[in-house]
Protein backbone atom coordinates (compact mmCIF):
# COMPACT_ATOMS: atom_id res chain seq x y z
CA MET A 1 3.88 -19.34 16.16
CA GLN A 2 -0.18 -19.84 14.94
CA LEU A 3 -2.69 -21.49 13.81
CA ALA A 4 -5.66 -21.60 11.60
CA ILE A 5 -9.23 -22.81 12.49
CA THR A 6 -11.77 -23.67 10.36
CA ALA A 7 -14.82 -25.07 12.17
CA LEU A 8 -19.04 -25.86 10.49
CA GLY A 9 -21.07 -27.73 13.07
CA ASN A 10 -25.11 -27.09 13.53
CA ASN A 11 -26.00 -24.76 15.49
CA PRO A 12 -27.58 -26.38 18.62
CA THR A 13 -24.18 -28.19 19.30
CA ASN A 14 -22.92 -24.64 21.40
CA PHE A 15 -19.27 -25.67 19.61
CA ILE A 16 -17.69 -22.56 19.84
CA ASN A 17 -17.41 -22.50 23.84
CA LYS A 18 -15.49 -25.57 23.93
CA ILE A 19 -13.54 -24.67 21.26
CA LEU A 20 -12.47 -21.72 22.85
CA ASP A 21 -11.86 -23.63 26.13
CA THR A 22 -10.18 -25.71 24.07
CA VAL A 23 -8.03 -23.40 23.32
CA SER A 24 -6.99 -21.49 26.67
CA SER A 25 -6.94 -24.89 28.33
CA CYS A 26 -3.49 -25.43 25.71
CA ASP A 27 -2.92 -21.63 26.92
CA CYS A 28 -3.01 -20.21 23.24
CA GLN A 29 -4.74 -16.85 22.26
CA VAL A 30 -7.55 -16.06 20.03
CA LEU A 31 -6.41 -13.68 18.36
CA THR A 32 -9.32 -13.06 15.98
CA LEU A 33 -12.49 -15.11 16.12
CA LYS A 34 -15.19 -15.06 13.69
CA SER A 35 -18.71 -16.34 13.97
CA SER A 36 -21.25 -16.30 11.24
CA CYS A 37 -25.15 -18.77 11.77
CA LEU A 38 -25.55 -20.00 7.84
CA ASN A 39 -29.16 -20.92 8.65
CA GLN A 40 -28.85 -24.14 10.89
CA ALA A 41 -25.60 -24.63 10.66
CA VAL A 42 -22.49 -22.42 11.93
CA ALA A 43 -19.16 -21.71 10.67
CA CYS A 44 -16.65 -20.18 13.71
CA TYR A 45 -12.63 -18.87 11.93
CA LEU A 46 -10.23 -18.83 14.30
CA LEU A 47 -6.75 -16.91 14.54
CA VAL A 48 -4.45 -18.77 17.79
CA ASN A 49 -0.43 -17.90 19.05
CA GLY A 50 1.71 -20.19 21.21
CA ASN A 51 4.41 -21.64 21.60
CA TRP A 52 5.31 -24.43 19.39
CA ASN A 53 4.10 -26.70 22.66
CA GLN A 54 0.96 -24.65 23.39
CA ILE A 55 0.10 -24.83 19.35
CA ALA A 56 0.89 -29.00 19.18
CA LYS A 57 -1.41 -29.54 21.91
CA LEU A 58 -4.45 -28.14 20.91
CA GLU A 59 -4.52 -29.60 17.26
CA SER A 60 -3.69 -33.18 19.24
CA THR A 61 -7.20 -32.02 21.22
CA LEU A 62 -8.72 -30.33 18.25
CA THR A 63 -9.20 -34.13 15.95
CA ASN A 64 -10.69 -35.10 19.20
CA LEU A 65 -13.01 -32.22 19.58
CA GLN A 66 -14.84 -33.26 16.43
CA ILE A 67 -15.78 -36.21 16.98
CA LEU A 68 -16.90 -35.89 20.18
CA LEU A 69 -19.22 -32.28 19.38
CA ASN A 70 -19.64 -33.52 15.95
CA ILE A 71 -18.41 -31.32 14.16
CA ASN A 72 -15.69 -30.54 10.66
CA ILE A 73 -12.70 -28.49 11.64
CA HIS A 74 -9.53 -28.33 10.20
CA SER A 75 -6.69 -26.16 11.00
CA LEU A 76 -3.07 -24.37 9.93
CA ARG A 77 -0.25 -23.49 10.58
CA PRO A 78 0.00 -19.65 8.86
CA ASP A 79 3.03 -18.93 6.74
CA SER A 80 5.21 -16.20 9.79
CA THR A 81 6.48 -13.65 7.29
CA PRO A 82 3.69 -11.45 5.53
CA LYS A 83 3.57 -11.40 1.59
CA ARG A 84 1.83 -8.47 1.44
CA SER A 85 4.16 -4.96 0.34
CA GLU A 86 3.02 -1.50 1.89
CA SER A 87 -1.23 -1.02 1.60
CA ILE A 88 -3.90 1.31 1.69
CA PRO A 89 -6.79 -0.56 3.26
CA TYR A 90 -10.07 0.29 1.15
CA PHE A 91 -13.76 -0.44 1.32
CA LEU A 92 -15.40 -1.99 -1.66
CA GLU A 93 -18.97 -3.23 -1.86
CA SER A 94 -21.12 -4.59 -5.05
CA ILE A 95 -25.93 -4.01 -4.98
CA SER A 96 -27.42 -6.37 -7.21
CA ALA A 97 -30.54 -7.31 -8.48
CA SER A 98 -28.75 -10.36 -9.47
CA PRO A 99 -26.44 -12.45 -7.16
CA ASN A 100 -24.80 -13.95 -11.00
CA ASN A 101 -21.46 -14.44 -11.01
CA VAL A 102 -21.22 -11.16 -9.31
CA ILE A 103 -18.04 -12.77 -6.23
CA GLU A 104 -17.16 -15.06 -9.08
CA ASN A 105 -15.76 -12.43 -11.42
CA MET A 106 -15.45 -8.74 -8.96
CA SER A 107 -12.73 -11.70 -6.56
CA SER A 108 -11.07 -11.75 -10.54
CA PHE A 109 -11.27 -7.93 -11.27
CA LEU A 110 -9.61 -7.82 -8.18
CA TYR A 111 -6.94 -9.94 -7.64
CA GLU A 112 -5.79 -9.64 -11.30
CA ARG A 113 -4.90 -5.52 -10.42
CA ASP A 114 -2.98 -7.80 -7.05
CA VAL A 115 -5.75 -6.00 -4.79
CA TYR A 116 -5.88 -8.33 -2.26
CA ILE A 117 -9.33 -9.60 -0.35
CA GLU A 118 -8.77 -9.90 3.06
CA ASP A 119 -12.21 -9.52 3.99
CA ILE A 120 -15.06 -11.25 1.40
CA ASN A 121 -19.41 -10.86 2.96
CA ALA A 122 -22.25 -11.38 0.68
CA ARG A 123 -26.22 -11.90 1.61
CA PHE A 124 -28.86 -11.41 0.79
CA PHE A 125 -32.14 -8.66 1.64
CA GLN A 126 -34.92 -6.83 0.35
CA ALA A 127 -34.95 -3.08 -0.08
CA SER A 128 -37.12 -1.24 2.27
CA TYR A 129 -39.58 0.78 -0.51
CA ASN A 130 -40.56 -2.35 -3.14
CA GLN A 131 -39.59 -4.99 -0.97
CA THR A 132 -37.30 -6.36 -4.21
CA LYS A 133 -34.46 -9.34 -3.40
CA VAL A 134 -31.39 -6.80 -3.55
CA PHE A 135 -27.05 -8.75 -3.31
CA SER A 136 -24.82 -7.61 -1.37
CA VAL A 137 -21.43 -7.60 -1.46
CA LYS A 138 -19.19 -6.02 0.39
CA PHE A 139 -14.89 -6.65 0.47
CA ILE A 140 -12.29 -5.49 2.63
CA LEU A 141 -9.02 -4.68 0.80
CA SER A 142 -5.93 -4.63 0.74
CA ILE A 143 -4.79 -2.52 -2.59
CA PRO A 144 -0.92 -1.70 -3.12
CA ILE A 145 0.51 1.78 -2.91
CA LYS A 146 1.35 1.15 -6.89
CA LEU A 147 -1.48 0.75 -7.48
CA LYS A 148 -2.97 4.78 -9.03
CA ILE A 149 -6.18 4.74 -7.11
CA ARG A 150 -7.54 6.53 -9.74
CA SER A 151 -7.73 4.13 -12.74
CA LEU A 152 -8.72 1.31 -10.22
CA ARG A 153 -12.04 3.60 -10.00
CA GLU A 154 -12.71 4.15 -13.53
CA ASP A 155 -12.10 0.11 -14.11
CA LEU A 156 -14.41 -0.15 -11.07
CA GLN A 157 -17.00 1.70 -12.90
CA ASP A 158 -16.44 0.42 -16.33
CA PHE A 159 -16.82 -2.82 -14.46
CA SER A 160 -19.62 -2.13 -12.50
CA PHE A 161 -21.26 -0.96 -15.94
CA LYS A 162 -21.33 -4.55 -17.79
CA PHE A 163 -21.88 -6.18 -15.09
CA ASN A 164 -25.00 -3.46 -14.00
CA ILE A 165 -24.29 -3.48 -10.78
CA ASP A 166 -23.38 -0.68 -8.00
CA ILE A 167 -20.61 -0.44 -6.75
CA LEU A 168 -19.41 1.98 -3.24
CA PHE A 169 -15.14 2.18 -3.50
CA ASN A 170 -13.28 4.71 -0.66
CA PRO A 171 -10.80 4.22 1.96
CA ILE A 172 -10.96 3.47 4.84
CA ASN A 173 -10.39 5.74 7.24
CA GLN A 174 -7.92 4.03 11.20
């Protein structure tokens, strides 16, 4: 059985170690962990595995941990049966001068074509040559085998011209 956990708290609390200790003390194993600093806040995402009793014990412990550390914790038992068909992993990055709805428009574009978004990572950075702020959005995608890659590539090119963004679109070598 698995449990997905999200936690959000202030950076100085070092709550990630306490969550990991709690997972371990409940005899669960971490399958996936992602953590990001968001200014002075820290966000943590975990997927843990254990038997029914271990997961139930972890869920009840997380409630107390949330109060003790003054952080926000949410958990969910994900469906155990995958609902996606066979797919090909792809990397997509958009680069633009402005974030004007890039993530929303691109997500809608992909979902309309039944492309599953595995991961999104967006950030501003300064271009090295002229110090202009640039907005980058990186996607990890699962593209159904039934979808024609050439057609998707052409649609992405039209999309990039429409919204004045540069796009990189490549398969992920596994």
